[in-house]
Amino acid sequence: MNRASEPANASQTSHSARAPRSIAAYLEQLHEALAGADPALIQDALYDAEEYLRAECAAHPEKSEADVLELIASTYGAPEEVAAAYRDTEAKVNAALRPVTPLSSESANPLKRFFAVYSDSRAYLSLFYMLLTLVTGIIYFTFVVTGLSLSAGLAVLVIGIPFFLAFIGIARVLAFGEGRLLEAITGERMPRRPIHPGPRARIWARIGEMLQDFRTWTTLAYLLLMLPVGILYFTVAVVGISFAGALLVGPFLVLAQHLGWDFNNGISVLQPEILGTPLVAPFLVALGVVIFTVLMHAARGIGRAQVLLARSLLVKP
């Protein structure tokens, strides 16, 4: 009887020895248990755990962290159990939200696969994102340059400290909003929780943590980078749409002119004659369709590439 109970006792002893005695230890074990998972999922799980554990500690000020962790072990779960629950939930959510792939995109016919992009809503949203990035890039760049300049200028004054903290806080909010926008447009997983601020600390300690946290600088780098990236995306989108649109609409204007329509009344910036004769019109229309289809494929690829950039600079590894 005693020998039979030895494995169970050994297992309990091992579990007790590994049981976290502090919030930091719990978060570290949870991070280890989630190794290999999506970084965005890890950030969300760590945020939820830290938020819950610190709220419980605040609700029981008379108890130590170790006592609170032992008290809620049966309700919230061990780090390994929480990690398993997050992995299972994420798999179910991804399966439920996975978009239905059009049959044409899986066809053996390359032409069907090429034009299947028109049935993908993500392609249209990504094209819209390419146009939007010029506006967001200007806003992000102006905010970061102004914030860094004022932070440096006000550093010698008392107001400089809270200003810097507010500046970094707003920058993280902007980065979080950018991630949510990317997830809505591309469907790729991004963090659904912001970075947890951690326990309350003295103002100098918070500033030191921000300066030492590489995410502070990668977040600012991402916001600065969005201006040249936004200019590039906007230029590609506008040139592609304009060129394809001219090829699609211009030949019809040529045909209309040959049928007797007069385009010279009033102010005219379009000279349909340069777009060819009625015999050439079908080929120009076909070329315009091909160019716009290539642009749609490029927009979808750019959206996915932007997610990879955002993950590398905004998501905690």
C-alpha atoms as a PDB file:
ATOM      1  CA  MET A   1       0.000   0.000   0.000  1.00  0.00           C
ATOM      2  CA  ASN A   2       2.793   2.394   0.858  1.00  0.00           C
ATOM      3  CA  ARG A   3       4.687   1.479  -2.310  1.00  0.00           C
ATOM      4  CA  ALA A   4       1.594   2.081  -4.458  1.00  0.00           C
ATOM      5  CA  SER A   5       1.213   5.558  -3.043  1.00  0.00           C
ATOM      6  CA  GLU A   6       4.860   6.467  -3.667  1.00  0.00           C
ATOM      7  CA  PRO A   7       4.359   7.576  -7.344  1.00  0.00           C
ATOM      8  CA  ALA A   8       1.371   9.740  -6.400  1.00  0.00           C
ATOM      9  CA  ASN A   9       3.280  11.275  -3.499  1.00  0.00           C
ATOM     10  CA  ALA A  10       6.282  11.894  -5.760  1.00  0.00           C
ATOM     11  CA  SER A  11       4.050  13.550  -8.358  1.00  0.00           C
ATOM     12  CA  GLN A  12       2.449  15.791  -5.745  1.00  0.00           C
ATOM     13  CA  THR A  13       5.858  16.690  -4.332  1.00  0.00           C
ATOM     14  CA  SER A  14       7.160  17.553  -7.814  1.00  0.00           C
ATOM     15  CA  HIS A  15       4.069  19.649  -8.545  1.00  0.00           C
ATOM     16  CA  SER A  16       4.354  21.458  -5.223  1.00  0.00           C
ATOM     17  CA  ALA A  17       8.029  22.152  -5.810  1.00  0.00           C
ATOM     18  CA  ARG A  18       7.257  23.668  -9.197  1.00  0.00           C
ATOM     19  CA  ALA A  19       4.158  25.560  -8.028  1.00  0.00           C
ATOM     20  CA  PRO A  20       4.805  29.279  -8.586  1.00  0.00           C
ATOM     21  CA  ARG A  21       5.236  31.326  -5.431  1.00  0.00           C
ATOM     22  CA  SER A  22       4.982  34.723  -7.094  1.00  0.00           C
ATOM     23  CA  ILE A  23       3.231  36.374 -10.022  1.00  0.00           C
ATOM     24  CA  ALA A  24       6.514  36.719 -11.885  1.00  0.00           C
ATOM     25  CA  ALA A  25       7.204  32.995 -11.479  1.00  0.00           C
ATOM     26  CA  TYR A  26       3.672  32.140 -12.634  1.00  0.00           C
ATOM     27  CA  LEU A  27       4.041  34.273 -15.753  1.00  0.00           C
ATOM     28  CA  GLU A  28       7.440  32.751 -16.480  1.00  0.00           C
ATOM     29  CA  GLN A  29       6.045  29.219 -16.249  1.00  0.00           C
ATOM     30  CA  LEU A  30       3.063  30.176 -18.399  1.00  0.00           C
ATOM     31  CA  HIS A  31       5.419  31.613 -21.013  1.00  0.00           C
ATOM     32  CA  GLU A  32       7.424  28.373 -20.976  1.00  0.00           C
ATOM     33  CA  ALA A  33       4.258  26.288 -21.303  1.00  0.00           C
ATOM     34  CA  LEU A  34       3.203  28.323 -24.346  1.00  0.00           C
ATOM     35  CA  ALA A  35       6.571  27.935 -26.080  1.00  0.00           C
ATOM     36  CA  GLY A  36       6.102  27.515 -29.808  1.00  0.00           C
ATOM     37  CA  ALA A  37       2.644  29.109 -29.846  1.00  0.00           C
ATOM     38  CA  ASP A  38       1.724  32.227 -31.784  1.00  0.00           C
ATOM     39  CA  PRO A  39       3.521  35.248 -30.183  1.00  0.00           C
ATOM     40  CA  ALA A  40       0.251  37.190 -30.314  1.00  0.00           C
ATOM     41  CA  LEU A  41      -1.484  34.407 -28.378  1.00  0.00           C
ATOM     42  CA  ILE A  42       1.327  34.358 -25.812  1.00  0.00           C
ATOM     43  CA  GLN A  43       1.035  38.120 -25.273  1.00  0.00           C
ATOM     44  CA  ASP A  44      -2.731  37.844 -24.778  1.00  0.00           C
ATOM     45  CA  ALA A  45      -2.405  34.923 -22.357  1.00  0.00           C
ATOM     46  CA  LEU A  46       0.259  36.687 -20.297  1.00  0.00           C
ATOM     47  CA  TYR A  47      -1.848  39.850 -20.164  1.00  0.00           C
ATOM     48  CA  ASP A  48      -4.956  37.985 -19.002  1.00  0.00           C
ATOM     49  CA  ALA A  49      -3.024  36.025 -16.365  1.00  0.00           C
ATOM     50  CA  GLU A  50      -1.213  39.056 -14.987  1.00  0.00           C
ATOM     51  CA  GLU A  51      -4.395  41.134 -14.915  1.00  0.00           C
ATOM     52  CA  TYR A  52      -6.284  38.422 -13.034  1.00  0.00           C
ATOM     53  CA  LEU A  53      -3.508  37.603 -10.591  1.00  0.00           C
ATOM     54  CA  ARG A  54      -2.782  41.212  -9.696  1.00  0.00           C
ATOM     55  CA  ALA A  55      -6.502  41.895  -9.227  1.00  0.00           C
ATOM     56  CA  GLU A  56      -6.736  38.946  -6.835  1.00  0.00           C
ATOM     57  CA  CYS A  57      -3.676  40.136  -4.905  1.00  0.00           C
ATOM     58  CA  ALA A  58      -5.180  43.614  -4.652  1.00  0.00           C
ATOM     59  CA  ALA A  59      -8.434  42.086  -3.342  1.00  0.00           C
ATOM     60  CA  HIS A  60      -6.515  40.249  -0.581  1.00  0.00           C
ATOM     61  CA  PRO A  61      -3.951  42.758   0.695  1.00  0.00           C
ATOM     62  CA  GLU A  62      -3.562  40.827   3.932  1.00  0.00           C
ATOM     63  CA  LYS A  63      -2.143  37.804   2.090  1.00  0.00           C
ATOM     64  CA  SER A  64       1.187  37.343   0.342  1.00  0.00           C
ATOM     65  CA  GLU A  65       1.479  36.565  -3.370  1.00  0.00           C
ATOM     66  CA  ALA A  66       2.300  32.939  -2.553  1.00  0.00           C
ATOM     67  CA  ASP A  67      -0.820  32.585  -0.411  1.00  0.00           C
ATOM     68  CA  VAL A  68      -3.029  34.181  -3.072  1.00  0.00           C
ATOM     69  CA  LEU A  69      -1.604  31.934  -5.784  1.00  0.00           C
ATOM     70  CA  GLU A  70      -2.258  28.892  -3.635  1.00  0.00           C
ATOM     71  CA  LEU A  71      -5.779  30.134  -2.908  1.00  0.00           C
ATOM     72  CA  ILE A  72      -6.751  30.563  -6.573  1.00  0.00           C
ATOM     73  CA  ALA A  73      -4.847  27.554  -7.899  1.00  0.00           C
ATOM     74  CA  SER A  74      -8.062  25.554  -8.203  1.00  0.00           C
ATOM     75  CA  THR A  75     -10.039  28.359  -9.906  1.00  0.00           C
ATOM     76  CA  TYR A  76      -7.628  29.837 -12.443  1.00  0.00           C
ATOM     77  CA  GLY A  77      -5.456  26.775 -12.920  1.00  0.00           C
ATOM     78  CA  ALA A  78      -1.782  25.931 -13.063  1.00  0.00           C
ATOM     79  CA  PRO A  79       0.323  27.521 -15.832  1.00  0.00           C
ATOM     80  CA  GLU A  80       0.340  24.267 -17.825  1.00  0.00           C
ATOM     81  CA  GLU A  81      -3.457  23.997 -17.602  1.00  0.00           C
ATOM     82  CA  VAL A  82      -3.969  27.613 -18.629  1.00  0.00           C
ATOM     83  CA  ALA A  83      -1.594  27.189 -21.571  1.00  0.00           C
ATOM     84  CA  ALA A  84      -3.438  24.070 -22.741  1.00  0.00           C
ATOM     85  CA  ALA A  85      -6.778  25.881 -22.492  1.00  0.00           C
ATOM     86  CA  TYR A  86      -5.498  28.810 -24.559  1.00  0.00           C
ATOM     87  CA  ARG A  87      -4.082  26.510 -27.236  1.00  0.00           C
ATOM     88  CA  ASP A  88      -7.359  24.580 -27.459  1.00  0.00           C
ATOM     89  CA  THR A  89      -9.490  27.734 -27.606  1.00  0.00           C
ATOM     90  CA  GLU A  90      -7.248  29.305 -30.242  1.00  0.00           C
ATOM     91  CA  ALA A  91      -7.477  26.213 -32.428  1.00  0.00           C
ATOM     92  CA  LYS A  92     -11.287  26.196 -32.202  1.00  0.00           C
ATOM     93  CA  VAL A  93     -11.565  29.930 -32.930  1.00  0.00           C
ATOM     94  CA  ASN A  94      -9.230  29.693 -35.916  1.00  0.00           C
ATOM     95  CA  ALA A  95     -11.210  26.767 -37.306  1.00  0.00           C
ATOM     96  CA  ALA A  96     -14.493  28.658 -36.886  1.00  0.00           C
ATOM     97  CA  LEU A  97     -13.221  31.926 -38.387  1.00  0.00           C
ATOM     98  CA  ARG A  98     -11.219  30.394 -41.228  1.00  0.00           C
ATOM     99  CA  PRO A  99     -12.633  31.895 -44.445  1.00  0.00           C
ATOM    100  CA  VAL A 100     -14.119  29.552 -47.009  1.00  0.00           C
ATOM    101  CA  THR A 101     -11.628  29.162 -49.832  1.00  0.00           C
ATOM    102  CA  PRO A 102     -13.278  29.665 -53.229  1.00  0.00           C
ATOM    103  CA  LEU A 103     -13.154  26.554 -55.395  1.00  0.00           C
ATOM    104  CA  SER A 104     -11.682  28.600 -58.231  1.00  0.00           C
ATOM    105  CA  SER A 105      -8.580  29.374 -56.134  1.00  0.00           C
ATOM    106  CA  GLU A 106      -7.888  25.641 -55.817  1.00  0.00           C
ATOM    107  CA  SER A 107      -8.591  24.866 -59.454  1.00  0.00           C
ATOM    108  CA  ALA A 108      -5.952  23.229 -61.588  1.00  0.00           C
ATOM    109  CA  ASN A 109      -6.635  25.888 -64.216  1.00  0.00           C
ATOM    110  CA  PRO A 110      -4.074  28.694 -63.703  1.00  0.00           C
ATOM    111  CA  LEU A 111      -6.439  31.284 -65.201  1.00  0.00           C
ATOM    112  CA  LYS A 112      -9.144  30.441 -62.667  1.00  0.00           C
ATOM    113  CA  ARG A 113      -6.643  30.693 -59.825  1.00  0.00           C
ATOM    114  CA  PHE A 114      -5.389  33.996 -61.214  1.00  0.00           C
ATOM    115  CA  PHE A 115      -8.821  35.608 -61.360  1.00  0.00           C
ATOM    116  CA  ALA A 116     -10.029  33.991 -58.110  1.00  0.00           C
ATOM    117  CA  VAL A 117      -8.539  36.968 -56.288  1.00  0.00           C
ATOM    118  CA  TYR A 118     -11.726  38.909 -57.086  1.00  0.00           C
ATOM    119  CA  SER A 119     -13.675  36.599 -54.769  1.00  0.00           C
ATOM    120  CA  ASP A 120     -11.274  37.274 -51.871  1.00  0.00           C
ATOM    121  CA  SER A 121     -12.506  40.122 -49.684  1.00  0.00           C
ATOM    122  CA  ARG A 122      -9.046  40.361 -48.069  1.00  0.00           C
ATOM    123  CA  ALA A 123      -7.600  41.554 -51.372  1.00  0.00           C
ATOM    124  CA  TYR A 124      -9.999  44.522 -51.515  1.00  0.00           C
ATOM    125  CA  LEU A 125      -9.337  45.372 -47.877  1.00  0.00           C
ATOM    126  CA  SER A 126      -5.580  45.153 -48.415  1.00  0.00           C
ATOM    127  CA  LEU A 127      -5.864  47.503 -51.400  1.00  0.00           C
ATOM    128  CA  PHE A 128      -7.795  49.930 -49.208  1.00  0.00           C
ATOM    129  CA  TYR A 129      -5.075  49.584 -46.548  1.00  0.00           C
ATOM    130  CA  MET A 130      -2.428  50.537 -49.126  1.00  0.00           C
ATOM    131  CA  LEU A 131      -4.305  53.779 -49.761  1.00  0.00           C
ATOM    132  CA  LEU A 132      -4.891  54.387 -46.059  1.00  0.00           C
ATOM    133  CA  THR A 133      -1.248  53.976 -45.018  1.00  0.00           C
ATOM    134  CA  LEU A 134      -0.286  57.355 -46.450  1.00  0.00           C
ATOM    135  CA  VAL A 135      -2.644  59.061 -43.989  1.00  0.00           C
ATOM    136  CA  THR A 136      -1.726  56.873 -41.011  1.00  0.00           C
ATOM    137  CA  GLY A 137       1.973  57.094 -41.903  1.00  0.00           C
ATOM    138  CA  ILE A 138       1.893  60.896 -41.834  1.00  0.00           C
ATOM    139  CA  ILE A 139       0.039  60.852 -38.498  1.00  0.00           C
ATOM    140  CA  TYR A 140       2.425  58.310 -36.930  1.00  0.00           C
ATOM    141  CA  PHE A 141       5.565  60.030 -38.211  1.00  0.00           C
ATOM    142  CA  THR A 142       4.420  63.477 -37.058  1.00  0.00           C
ATOM    143  CA  PHE A 143       3.443  62.131 -33.651  1.00  0.00           C
ATOM    144  CA  VAL A 144       6.762  60.356 -33.033  1.00  0.00           C
ATOM    145  CA  VAL A 145       8.984  63.193 -34.268  1.00  0.00           C
ATOM    146  CA  THR A 146       7.028  65.774 -32.277  1.00  0.00           C
ATOM    147  CA  GLY A 147       6.899  63.570 -29.179  1.00  0.00           C
ATOM    148  CA  LEU A 148      10.623  62.791 -29.192  1.00  0.00           C
ATOM    149  CA  SER A 149      11.524  66.434 -29.803  1.00  0.00           C
ATOM    150  CA  LEU A 150       9.325  67.721 -26.998  1.00  0.00           C
ATOM    151  CA  SER A 151      10.468  64.946 -24.642  1.00  0.00           C
ATOM    152  CA  ALA A 152      14.095  65.924 -25.202  1.00  0.00           C
ATOM    153  CA  GLY A 153      13.333  69.617 -24.867  1.00  0.00           C
ATOM    154  CA  LEU A 154      11.267  69.218 -21.702  1.00  0.00           C
ATOM    155  CA  ALA A 155      13.632  66.700 -20.071  1.00  0.00           C
ATOM    156  CA  VAL A 156      15.147  69.391 -17.837  1.00  0.00           C
ATOM    157  CA  LEU A 157      11.716  70.421 -16.557  1.00  0.00           C
ATOM    158  CA  VAL A 158       9.412  68.636 -14.135  1.00  0.00           C
ATOM    159  CA  ILE A 159       6.691  68.370 -16.791  1.00  0.00           C
ATOM    160  CA  GLY A 160       9.067  66.473 -19.059  1.00  0.00           C
ATOM    161  CA  ILE A 161       8.753  63.234 -17.076  1.00  0.00           C
ATOM    162  CA  PRO A 162       4.947  62.823 -17.239  1.00  0.00           C
ATOM    163  CA  PHE A 163       5.032  64.041 -20.832  1.00  0.00           C
ATOM    164  CA  PHE A 164       7.470  61.285 -21.811  1.00  0.00           C
ATOM    165  CA  LEU A 165       5.388  58.644 -20.040  1.00  0.00           C
ATOM    166  CA  ALA A 166       2.246  59.874 -21.785  1.00  0.00           C
ATOM    167  CA  PHE A 167       4.063  59.934 -25.133  1.00  0.00           C
ATOM    168  CA  ILE A 168       5.217  56.318 -24.842  1.00  0.00           C
ATOM    169  CA  GLY A 169       1.777  55.255 -23.604  1.00  0.00           C
ATOM    170  CA  ILE A 170       0.029  56.837 -26.588  1.00  0.00           C
ATOM    171  CA  ALA A 171       2.596  55.316 -28.958  1.00  0.00           C
ATOM    172  CA  ARG A 172       1.779  51.854 -27.599  1.00  0.00           C
ATOM    173  CA  VAL A 173      -1.942  52.540 -28.012  1.00  0.00           C
ATOM    174  CA  LEU A 174      -1.364  53.552 -31.638  1.00  0.00           C
ATOM    175  CA  ALA A 175       0.679  50.398 -32.224  1.00  0.00           C
ATOM    176  CA  PHE A 176      -2.037  48.267 -30.651  1.00  0.00           C
ATOM    177  CA  GLY A 177      -4.658  49.917 -32.866  1.00  0.00           C
ATOM    178  CA  GLU A 178      -2.477  49.307 -35.924  1.00  0.00           C
ATOM    179  CA  GLY A 179      -2.285  45.633 -35.031  1.00  0.00           C
ATOM    180  CA  ARG A 180      -6.046  45.334 -34.645  1.00  0.00           C
ATOM    181  CA  LEU A 181      -6.512  47.089 -38.007  1.00  0.00           C
ATOM    182  CA  LEU A 182      -4.127  44.654 -39.686  1.00  0.00           C
ATOM    183  CA  GLU A 183      -5.947  41.672 -38.204  1.00  0.00           C
ATOM    184  CA  ALA A 184      -9.300  43.003 -39.419  1.00  0.00           C
ATOM    185  CA  ILE A 185      -7.940  43.551 -42.929  1.00  0.00           C
ATOM    186  CA  THR A 186      -5.784  40.472 -43.454  1.00  0.00           C
ATOM    187  CA  GLY A 187      -7.298  37.985 -40.992  1.00  0.00           C
ATOM    188  CA  GLU A 188      -3.813  37.236 -39.597  1.00  0.00           C
ATOM    189  CA  ARG A 189      -3.591  36.864 -35.804  1.00  0.00           C
ATOM    190  CA  MET A 190      -2.411  39.944 -33.921  1.00  0.00           C
ATOM    191  CA  PRO A 191      -2.512  40.687 -30.167  1.00  0.00           C
ATOM    192  CA  ARG A 192      -5.998  41.369 -28.844  1.00  0.00           C
ATOM    193  CA  ARG A 193      -4.690  42.726 -25.551  1.00  0.00           C
ATOM    194  CA  PRO A 194      -2.220  45.573 -25.056  1.00  0.00           C
ATOM    195  CA  ILE A 195       1.062  45.084 -23.242  1.00  0.00           C
ATOM    196  CA  HIS A 196       0.387  44.873 -19.506  1.00  0.00           C
ATOM    197  CA  PRO A 197       1.912  47.806 -17.599  1.00  0.00           C
ATOM    198  CA  GLY A 198       2.960  45.519 -14.737  1.00  0.00           C
ATOM    199  CA  PRO A 199       2.881  46.347 -11.031  1.00  0.00           C
ATOM    200  CA  ARG A 200       2.773  49.902  -9.817  1.00  0.00           C
ATOM    201  CA  ALA A 201       6.226  51.365  -9.397  1.00  0.00           C
ATOM    202  CA  ARG A 202       7.912  54.666  -8.768  1.00  0.00           C
ATOM    203  CA  ILE A 203       7.982  57.023 -11.698  1.00  0.00           C
ATOM    204  CA  TRP A 204      11.750  56.716 -12.150  1.00  0.00           C
ATOM    205  CA  ALA A 205      11.471  52.946 -12.144  1.00  0.00           C
ATOM    206  CA  ARG A 206       8.775  53.099 -14.829  1.00  0.00           C
ATOM    207  CA  ILE A 207      10.926  55.369 -16.978  1.00  0.00           C
ATOM    208  CA  GLY A 208      13.871  53.023 -16.554  1.00  0.00           C
ATOM    209  CA  GLU A 209      11.736  50.054 -17.598  1.00  0.00           C
ATOM    210  CA  MET A 210      10.492  51.892 -20.685  1.00  0.00           C
ATOM    211  CA  LEU A 211      14.005  52.889 -21.719  1.00  0.00           C
ATOM    212  CA  GLN A 212      15.299  49.336 -21.236  1.00  0.00           C
ATOM    213  CA  ASP A 213      12.349  47.670 -22.963  1.00  0.00           C
ATOM    214  CA  PHE A 214      13.311  47.064 -26.598  1.00  0.00           C
ATOM    215  CA  ARG A 215       9.614  47.136 -27.523  1.00  0.00           C
ATOM    216  CA  THR A 216       9.573  50.853 -26.755  1.00  0.00           C
ATOM    217  CA  TRP A 217      12.122  51.524 -29.471  1.00  0.00           C
ATOM    218  CA  THR A 218      10.803  48.973 -31.967  1.00  0.00           C
ATOM    219  CA  THR A 219       7.326  50.481 -31.579  1.00  0.00           C
ATOM    220  CA  LEU A 220       8.657  53.966 -32.312  1.00  0.00           C
ATOM    221  CA  ALA A 221      10.686  52.570 -35.217  1.00  0.00           C
ATOM    222  CA  TYR A 222       7.556  50.968 -36.678  1.00  0.00           C
ATOM    223  CA  LEU A 223       5.571  54.199 -36.412  1.00  0.00           C
ATOM    224  CA  LEU A 224       8.393  56.145 -38.102  1.00  0.00           C
ATOM    225  CA  LEU A 225       8.787  53.510 -40.795  1.00  0.00           C
ATOM    226  CA  MET A 226       5.127  53.734 -41.721  1.00  0.00           C
ATOM    227  CA  LEU A 227       5.649  57.064 -43.532  1.00  0.00           C
ATOM    228  CA  PRO A 228       8.043  55.792 -46.256  1.00  0.00           C
ATOM    229  CA  VAL A 229       6.146  52.509 -46.370  1.00  0.00           C
ATOM    230  CA  GLY A 230       2.865  54.383 -46.680  1.00  0.00           C
ATOM    231  CA  ILE A 231       4.223  56.526 -49.514  1.00  0.00           C
ATOM    232  CA  LEU A 232       5.373  53.395 -51.338  1.00  0.00           C
ATOM    233  CA  TYR A 233       2.066  51.574 -50.845  1.00  0.00           C
ATOM    234  CA  PHE A 234       0.003  54.616 -51.844  1.00  0.00           C
ATOM    235  CA  THR A 235       2.104  55.211 -54.976  1.00  0.00           C
ATOM    236  CA  VAL A 236       1.823  51.588 -56.100  1.00  0.00           C
ATOM    237  CA  ALA A 237      -1.928  51.531 -55.483  1.00  0.00           C
ATOM    238  CA  VAL A 238      -2.667  54.855 -57.183  1.00  0.00           C
ATOM    239  CA  VAL A 239      -0.451  54.195 -60.207  1.00  0.00           C
ATOM    240  CA  GLY A 240      -1.886  50.698 -60.614  1.00  0.00           C
ATOM    241  CA  ILE A 241      -5.490  51.822 -60.299  1.00  0.00           C
ATOM    242  CA  SER A 242      -4.981  54.826 -62.589  1.00  0.00           C
ATOM    243  CA  PHE A 243      -3.159  52.876 -65.282  1.00  0.00           C
ATOM    244  CA  ALA A 244      -5.601  49.968 -65.224  1.00  0.00           C
ATOM    245  CA  GLY A 245      -8.557  52.370 -65.122  1.00  0.00           C
ATOM    246  CA  ALA A 246      -7.276  54.314 -68.126  1.00  0.00           C
ATOM    247  CA  LEU A 247      -6.901  51.126 -70.132  1.00  0.00           C
ATOM    248  CA  LEU A 248     -10.361  49.937 -69.105  1.00  0.00           C
ATOM    249  CA  VAL A 249     -12.256  53.198 -69.680  1.00  0.00           C
ATOM    250  CA  GLY A 250     -10.206  54.847 -72.428  1.00  0.00           C
ATOM    251  CA  PRO A 251     -11.043  52.402 -75.237  1.00  0.00           C
ATOM    252  CA  PHE A 252     -14.761  52.865 -74.605  1.00  0.00           C
ATOM    253  CA  LEU A 253     -14.260  56.610 -74.978  1.00  0.00           C
ATOM    254  CA  VAL A 254     -12.485  55.953 -78.259  1.00  0.00           C
ATOM    255  CA  LEU A 255     -15.382  53.832 -79.477  1.00  0.00           C
ATOM    256  CA  ALA A 256     -17.871  56.459 -78.342  1.00  0.00           C
ATOM    257  CA  GLN A 257     -15.959  59.157 -80.200  1.00  0.00           C
ATOM    258  CA  HIS A 258     -15.946  57.111 -83.386  1.00  0.00           C
ATOM    259  CA  LEU A 259     -19.699  56.704 -82.977  1.00  0.00           C
ATOM    260  CA  GLY A 260     -20.140  60.468 -82.977  1.00  0.00           C
ATOM    261  CA  TRP A 261     -19.780  61.539 -79.349  1.00  0.00           C
ATOM    262  CA  ASP A 262     -17.997  64.851 -78.939  1.00  0.00           C
ATOM    263  CA  PHE A 263     -15.484  65.049 -76.096  1.00  0.00           C
ATOM    264  CA  ASN A 264     -14.099  68.453 -77.035  1.00  0.00           C
ATOM    265  CA  ASN A 265     -16.910  70.507 -75.526  1.00  0.00           C
ATOM    266  CA  GLY A 266     -15.771  72.319 -72.410  1.00  0.00           C
ATOM    267  CA  ILE A 267     -12.523  71.474 -70.652  1.00  0.00           C
ATOM    268  CA  SER A 268     -11.179  68.042 -71.573  1.00  0.00           C
ATOM    269  CA  VAL A 269      -8.030  66.588 -70.037  1.00  0.00           C
ATOM    270  CA  LEU A 270      -8.456  63.212 -71.726  1.00  0.00           C
ATOM    271  CA  GLN A 271      -7.597  62.728 -75.356  1.00  0.00           C
ATOM    272  CA  PRO A 272      -9.106  59.348 -76.329  1.00  0.00           C
ATOM    273  CA  GLU A 273      -7.262  59.374 -79.656  1.00  0.00           C
ATOM    274  CA  ILE A 274      -3.997  58.370 -77.986  1.00  0.00           C
ATOM    275  CA  LEU A 275      -5.545  55.133 -76.768  1.00  0.00           C
ATOM    276  CA  GLY A 276      -5.808  53.612 -80.222  1.00  0.00           C
ATOM    277  CA  THR A 277      -8.453  52.625 -82.703  1.00  0.00           C
ATOM    278  CA  PRO A 278     -11.605  50.536 -82.164  1.00  0.00           C
ATOM    279  CA  LEU A 279      -9.691  47.449 -83.335  1.00  0.00           C
ATOM    280  CA  VAL A 280      -7.144  47.864 -80.545  1.00  0.00           C
ATOM    281  CA  ALA A 281      -9.726  48.605 -77.846  1.00  0.00           C
ATOM    282  CA  PRO A 282     -10.412  44.960 -76.805  1.00  0.00           C
ATOM    283  CA  PHE A 283      -6.706  44.304 -76.284  1.00  0.00           C
ATOM    284  CA  LEU A 284      -6.347  47.425 -74.141  1.00  0.00           C
ATOM    285  CA  VAL A 285      -9.332  46.405 -72.015  1.00  0.00           C
ATOM    286  CA  ALA A 286      -7.860  42.948 -71.527  1.00  0.00           C
ATOM    287  CA  LEU A 287      -4.512  44.485 -70.543  1.00  0.00           C
ATOM    288  CA  GLY A 288      -6.262  46.740 -68.030  1.00  0.00           C
ATOM    289  CA  VAL A 289      -8.005  43.736 -66.460  1.00  0.00           C
ATOM    290  CA  VAL A 290      -4.700  41.869 -66.181  1.00  0.00           C
ATOM    291  CA  ILE A 291      -2.928  44.851 -64.606  1.00  0.00           C
ATOM    292  CA  PHE A 292      -5.686  45.371 -62.047  1.00  0.00           C
ATOM    293  CA  THR A 293      -5.731  41.651 -61.222  1.00  0.00           C
ATOM    294  CA  VAL A 294      -1.963  41.713 -60.655  1.00  0.00           C
ATOM    295  CA  LEU A 295      -2.479  44.736 -58.401  1.00  0.00           C
ATOM    296  CA  MET A 296      -5.038  42.798 -56.358  1.00  0.00           C
ATOM    297  CA  HIS A 297      -2.608  39.913 -55.917  1.00  0.00           C
ATOM    298  CA  ALA A 298       0.118  42.380 -54.946  1.00  0.00           C
ATOM    299  CA  ALA A 299      -2.179  44.073 -52.431  1.00  0.00           C
ATOM    300  CA  ARG A 300      -2.965  40.749 -50.780  1.00  0.00           C
ATOM    301  CA  GLY A 301       0.724  39.889 -50.578  1.00  0.00           C
ATOM    302  CA  ILE A 302       1.598  43.324 -49.218  1.00  0.00           C
ATOM    303  CA  GLY A 303      -1.010  42.926 -46.490  1.00  0.00           C
ATOM    304  CA  ARG A 304       0.549  39.666 -45.351  1.00  0.00           C
ATOM    305  CA  ALA A 305       4.052  41.142 -45.511  1.00  0.00           C
ATOM    306  CA  GLN A 306       2.900  44.094 -43.399  1.00  0.00           C
ATOM    307  CA  VAL A 307       1.638  41.673 -40.751  1.00  0.00           C
ATOM    308  CA  LEU A 308       5.077  40.034 -40.606  1.00  0.00           C
ATOM    309  CA  LEU A 309       6.681  43.458 -40.166  1.00  0.00           C
ATOM    310  CA  ALA A 310       4.212  44.391 -37.431  1.00  0.00           C
ATOM    311  CA  ARG A 311       4.745  41.083 -35.638  1.00  0.00           C
ATOM    312  CA  SER A 312       8.511  41.528 -35.633  1.00  0.00           C
ATOM    313  CA  LEU A 313       8.395  45.069 -34.228  1.00  0.00           C
ATOM    314  CA  LEU A 314       5.209  45.287 -32.162  1.00  0.00           C
ATOM    315  CA  VAL A 315       4.570  41.849 -30.657  1.00  0.00           C
ATOM    316  CA  LYS A 316       6.413  40.669 -27.587  1.00  0.00           C
ATOM    317  CA  PRO A 317       8.416  37.519 -28.451  1.00  0.00           C
END
